[in-house]
Amino acid sequence: MDMQLMASGLEVTAFGLGGVFSVLILFYFATKVMLALSKKMSKKQKMDRSKS
């Protein structure tokens, strides 16, 4: 097996795994932000309802 081909394969694998994990981390933080916004809006709606 050619070592140059093996090195290229490992490089592609590393970039692929890095891409997958970066997207997973992005989804994690996007979910955290949406959850925080949802809680904030829910509290605001409860405050508005209690004033009525």
PDB file of N, CA and C in Angstrom:
ATOM      1  N   MET A   1       0.852  -1.182   0.000  1.00  0.00           N
ATOM      2  CA  MET A   1       0.000   0.000   0.000  1.00  0.00           C
ATOM      3  C   MET A   1       0.894   1.241   0.000  1.00  0.00           C
ATOM      4  N   ASP A   2       0.529   2.206  -0.787  1.00  0.00           N
ATOM      5  CA  ASP A   2       1.305   3.434  -0.932  1.00  0.00           C
ATOM      6  C   ASP A   2       1.107   4.331   0.296  1.00  0.00           C
ATOM      7  N   MET A   3       2.193   4.791   0.894  1.00  0.00           N
ATOM      8  CA  MET A   3       2.112   5.622   2.098  1.00  0.00           C
ATOM      9  C   MET A   3       1.493   6.990   1.802  1.00  0.00           C
ATOM     10  N   GLN A   4       1.721   7.501   0.615  1.00  0.00           N
ATOM     11  CA  GLN A   4       1.132   8.791   0.234  1.00  0.00           C
ATOM     12  C   GLN A   4      -0.396   8.673   0.183  1.00  0.00           C
ATOM     13  N   LEU A   5      -0.878   7.565  -0.356  1.00  0.00           N
ATOM     14  CA  LEU A   5      -2.316   7.321  -0.422  1.00  0.00           C
ATOM     15  C   LEU A   5      -2.895   7.157   0.980  1.00  0.00           C
ATOM     16  N   MET A   6      -2.165   6.457   1.843  1.00  0.00           N
ATOM     17  CA  MET A   6      -2.609   6.258   3.223  1.00  0.00           C
ATOM     18  C   MET A   6      -2.675   7.601   3.962  1.00  0.00           C
ATOM     19  N   ALA A   7      -1.684   8.446   3.771  1.00  0.00           N
ATOM     20  CA  ALA A   7      -1.674   9.762   4.420  1.00  0.00           C
ATOM     21  C   ALA A   7      -2.831  10.624   3.919  1.00  0.00           C
ATOM     22  N   SER A   8      -3.102  10.562   2.626  1.00  0.00           N
ATOM     23  CA  SER A   8      -4.226  11.324   2.069  1.00  0.00           C
ATOM     24  C   SER A   8      -5.556  10.831   2.640  1.00  0.00           C
ATOM     25  N   GLY A   9      -5.683   9.532   2.789  1.00  0.00           N
ATOM     26  CA  GLY A   9      -6.898   8.964   3.364  1.00  0.00           C
ATOM     27  C   GLY A   9      -7.103   9.390   4.804  1.00  0.00           C
ATOM     28  N   LEU A  10      -6.031   9.404   5.577  1.00  0.00           N
ATOM     29  CA  LEU A  10      -6.135   9.840   6.969  1.00  0.00           C
ATOM     30  C   LEU A  10      -6.466  11.328   7.066  1.00  0.00           C
ATOM     31  N   GLU A  11      -5.932  12.108   6.146  1.00  0.00           N
ATOM     32  CA  GLU A  11      -6.225  13.543   6.135  1.00  0.00           C
ATOM     33  C   GLU A  11      -7.703  13.789   5.835  1.00  0.00           C
ATOM     34  N   VAL A  12      -8.227  13.083   4.853  1.00  0.00           N
ATOM     35  CA  VAL A  12      -9.649  13.221   4.511  1.00  0.00           C
ATOM     36  C   VAL A  12     -10.521  12.767   5.679  1.00  0.00           C
ATOM     37  N   THR A  13     -10.122  11.684   6.335  1.00  0.00           N
ATOM     38  CA  THR A  13     -10.862  11.188   7.497  1.00  0.00           C
ATOM     39  C   THR A  13     -10.872  12.216   8.619  1.00  0.00           C
ATOM     40  N   ALA A  14      -9.718  12.827   8.877  1.00  0.00           N
ATOM     41  CA  ALA A  14      -9.633  13.835   9.938  1.00  0.00           C
ATOM     42  C   ALA A  14     -10.513  15.043   9.625  1.00  0.00           C
ATOM     43  N   PHE A  15     -10.489  15.501   8.369  1.00  0.00           N
ATOM     44  CA  PHE A  15     -11.343  16.629   7.994  1.00  0.00           C
ATOM     45  C   PHE A  15     -12.822  16.256   8.107  1.00  0.00           C
ATOM     46  N   GLY A  16     -13.165  15.051   7.728  1.00  0.00           N
ATOM     47  CA  GLY A  16     -14.555  14.609   7.815  1.00  0.00           C
ATOM     48  C   GLY A  16     -15.049  14.544   9.247  1.00  0.00           C
ATOM     49  N   LEU A  17     -14.250  13.941  10.116  1.00  0.00           N
ATOM     50  CA  LEU A  17     -14.637  13.857  11.526  1.00  0.00           C
ATOM     51  C   LEU A  17     -14.681  15.239  12.168  1.00  0.00           C
ATOM     52  N   GLY A  18     -13.728  16.085  11.809  1.00  0.00           N
ATOM     53  CA  GLY A  18     -13.738  17.454  12.331  1.00  0.00           C
ATOM     54  C   GLY A  18     -14.988  18.202  11.907  1.00  0.00           C
ATOM     55  N   GLY A  19     -15.399  18.016  10.669  1.00  0.00           N
ATOM     56  CA  GLY A  19     -16.617  18.657  10.185  1.00  0.00           C
ATOM     57  C   GLY A  19     -17.858  18.163  10.904  1.00  0.00           C
ATOM     58  N   VAL A  20     -17.932  16.861  11.101  1.00  0.00           N
ATOM     59  CA  VAL A  20     -19.091  16.280  11.788  1.00  0.00           C
ATOM     60  C   VAL A  20     -19.181  16.799  13.220  1.00  0.00           C
ATOM     61  N   PHE A  21     -18.070  16.787  13.936  1.00  0.00           N
ATOM     62  CA  PHE A  21     -18.100  17.236  15.325  1.00  0.00           C
ATOM     63  C   PHE A  21     -18.347  18.736  15.433  1.00  0.00           C
ATOM     64  N   SER A  22     -17.848  19.516  14.490  1.00  0.00           N
ATOM     65  CA  SER A  22     -18.114  20.956  14.540  1.00  0.00           C
ATOM     66  C   SER A  22     -19.597  21.242  14.306  1.00  0.00           C
ATOM     67  N   VAL A  23     -20.239  20.498  13.423  1.00  0.00           N
ATOM     68  CA  VAL A  23     -21.678  20.681  13.204  1.00  0.00           C
ATOM     69  C   VAL A  23     -22.466  20.234  14.429  1.00  0.00           C
ATOM     70  N   LEU A  24     -22.057  19.150  15.066  1.00  0.00           N
ATOM     71  CA  LEU A  24     -22.733  18.712  16.290  1.00  0.00           C
ATOM     72  C   LEU A  24     -22.616  19.759  17.391  1.00  0.00           C
ATOM     73  N   ILE A  25     -21.442  20.357  17.528  1.00  0.00           N
ATOM     74  CA  ILE A  25     -21.254  21.408  18.530  1.00  0.00           C
ATOM     75  C   ILE A  25     -22.108  22.619  18.188  1.00  0.00           C
ATOM     76  N   LEU A  26     -22.188  22.954  16.908  1.00  0.00           N
ATOM     77  CA  LEU A  26     -23.034  24.066  16.471  1.00  0.00           C
ATOM     78  C   LEU A  26     -24.502  23.803  16.810  1.00  0.00           C
ATOM     79  N   PHE A  27     -24.989  22.593  16.555  1.00  0.00           N
ATOM     80  CA  PHE A  27     -26.365  22.235  16.913  1.00  0.00           C
ATOM     81  C   PHE A  27     -26.586  22.325  18.418  1.00  0.00           C
ATOM     82  N   TYR A  28     -25.603  21.899  19.201  1.00  0.00           N
ATOM     83  CA  TYR A  28     -25.718  21.949  20.659  1.00  0.00           C
ATOM     84  C   TYR A  28     -25.911  23.390  21.125  1.00  0.00           C
ATOM     85  N   PHE A  29     -25.054  24.296  20.650  1.00  0.00           N
ATOM     86  CA  PHE A  29     -25.164  25.687  21.085  1.00  0.00           C
ATOM     87  C   PHE A  29     -26.421  26.355  20.537  1.00  0.00           C
ATOM     88  N   ALA A  30     -26.831  26.008  19.329  1.00  0.00           N
ATOM     89  CA  ALA A  30     -28.068  26.562  18.781  1.00  0.00           C
ATOM     90  C   ALA A  30     -29.267  26.125  19.622  1.00  0.00           C
ATOM     91  N   THR A  31     -29.260  24.879  20.072  1.00  0.00           N
ATOM     92  CA  THR A  31     -30.335  24.378  20.924  1.00  0.00           C
ATOM     93  C   THR A  31     -30.345  25.098  22.265  1.00  0.00           C
ATOM     94  N   LYS A  32     -29.155  25.334  22.837  1.00  0.00           N
ATOM     95  CA  LYS A  32     -29.070  26.049  24.113  1.00  0.00           C
ATOM     96  C   LYS A  32     -29.620  27.469  23.975  1.00  0.00           C
ATOM     97  N   VAL A  33     -29.288  28.148  22.877  1.00  0.00           N
ATOM     98  CA  VAL A  33     -29.770  29.512  22.657  1.00  0.00           C
ATOM     99  C   VAL A  33     -31.284  29.517  22.483  1.00  0.00           C
ATOM    100  N   MET A  34     -31.814  28.587  21.697  1.00  0.00           N
ATOM    101  CA  MET A  34     -33.263  28.530  21.490  1.00  0.00           C
ATOM    102  C   MET A  34     -33.996  28.217  22.790  1.00  0.00           C
ATOM    103  N   LEU A  35     -33.429  27.360  23.621  1.00  0.00           N
ATOM    104  CA  LEU A  35     -34.042  27.036  24.907  1.00  0.00           C
ATOM    105  C   LEU A  35     -34.060  28.259  25.814  1.00  0.00           C
ATOM    106  N   ALA A  36     -32.966  29.004  25.851  1.00  0.00           N
ATOM    107  CA  ALA A  36     -32.912  30.215  26.672  1.00  0.00           C
ATOM    108  C   ALA A  36     -33.930  31.243  26.190  1.00  0.00           C
ATOM    109  N   LEU A  37     -34.036  31.426  24.871  1.00  0.00           N
ATOM    110  CA  LEU A  37     -35.022  32.365  24.331  1.00  0.00           C
ATOM    111  C   LEU A  37     -36.443  31.917  24.639  1.00  0.00           C
ATOM    112  N   SER A  38     -36.680  30.625  24.563  1.00  0.00           N
ATOM    113  CA  SER A  38     -38.007  30.094  24.849  1.00  0.00           C
ATOM    114  C   SER A  38     -38.387  30.334  26.308  1.00  0.00           C
ATOM    115  N   LYS A  39     -37.446  30.114  27.212  1.00  0.00           N
ATOM    116  CA  LYS A  39     -37.726  30.348  28.636  1.00  0.00           C
ATOM    117  C   LYS A  39     -37.991  31.826  28.900  1.00  0.00           C
ATOM    118  N   LYS A  40     -37.217  32.694  28.249  1.00  0.00           N
ATOM    119  CA  LYS A  40     -37.395  34.134  28.436  1.00  0.00           C
ATOM    120  C   LYS A  40     -38.762  34.571  27.930  1.00  0.00           C
ATOM    121  N   MET A  41     -39.175  34.073  26.766  1.00  0.00           N
ATOM    122  CA  MET A  41     -40.472  34.447  26.206  1.00  0.00           C
ATOM    123  C   MET A  41     -41.611  33.885  27.046  1.00  0.00           C
ATOM    124  N   SER A  42     -41.415  32.693  27.593  1.00  0.00           N
ATOM    125  CA  SER A  42     -42.439  32.084  28.428  1.00  0.00           C
ATOM    126  C   SER A  42     -42.648  32.902  29.703  1.00  0.00           C
ATOM    127  N   LYS A  43     -41.552  33.357  30.303  1.00  0.00           N
ATOM    128  CA  LYS A  43     -41.671  34.188  31.506  1.00  0.00           C
ATOM    129  C   LYS A  43     -42.379  35.496  31.185  1.00  0.00           C
ATOM    130  N   LYS A  44     -42.070  36.080  30.031  1.00  0.00           N
ATOM    131  CA  LYS A  44     -42.694  37.338  29.642  1.00  0.00           C
ATOM    132  C   LYS A  44     -44.192  37.148  29.447  1.00  0.00           C
ATOM    133  N   GLN A  45     -44.595  36.048  28.823  1.00  0.00           N
ATOM    134  CA  GLN A  45     -46.015  35.792  28.606  1.00  0.00           C
ATOM    135  C   GLN A  45     -46.733  35.582  29.937  1.00  0.00           C
ATOM    136  N   LYS A  46     -46.084  34.902  30.879  1.00  0.00           N
ATOM    137  CA  LYS A  46     -46.703  34.697  32.190  1.00  0.00           C
ATOM    138  C   LYS A  46     -46.885  36.024  32.914  1.00  0.00           C
ATOM    139  N   MET A  47     -45.889  36.918  32.796  1.00  0.00           N
ATOM    140  CA  MET A  47     -45.985  38.228  33.441  1.00  0.00           C
ATOM    141  C   MET A  47     -47.111  39.042  32.812  1.00  0.00           C
ATOM    142  N   ASP A  48     -47.230  38.984  31.487  1.00  0.00           N
ATOM    143  CA  ASP A  48     -48.280  39.728  30.794  1.00  0.00           C
ATOM    144  C   ASP A  48     -49.663  39.203  31.170  1.00  0.00           C
ATOM    145  N   ARG A  49     -49.793  37.907  31.327  1.00  0.00           N
ATOM    146  CA  ARG A  49     -51.090  37.317  31.684  1.00  0.00           C
ATOM    147  C   ARG A  49     -51.478  37.672  33.114  1.00  0.00           C
ATOM    148  N   SER A  50     -50.500  37.734  34.006  1.00  0.00           N
ATOM    149  CA  SER A  50     -50.816  38.037  35.400  1.00  0.00           C
ATOM    150  C   SER A  50     -51.210  39.503  35.574  1.00  0.00           C
ATOM    151  N   LYS A  51     -50.751  40.383  34.689  1.00  0.00           N
ATOM    152  CA  LYS A  51     -51.118  41.799  34.760  1.00  0.00           C
ATOM    153  C   LYS A  51     -52.541  42.029  34.279  1.00  0.00           C
ATOM    154  N   SER A  52     -53.053  41.161  33.413  1.00  0.00           N
ATOM    155  CA  SER A  52     -54.392  41.344  32.834  1.00  0.00           C
ATOM    156  C   SER A  52     -55.483  41.045  33.812  1.00  0.00           C
TER     157      SER A  52
END
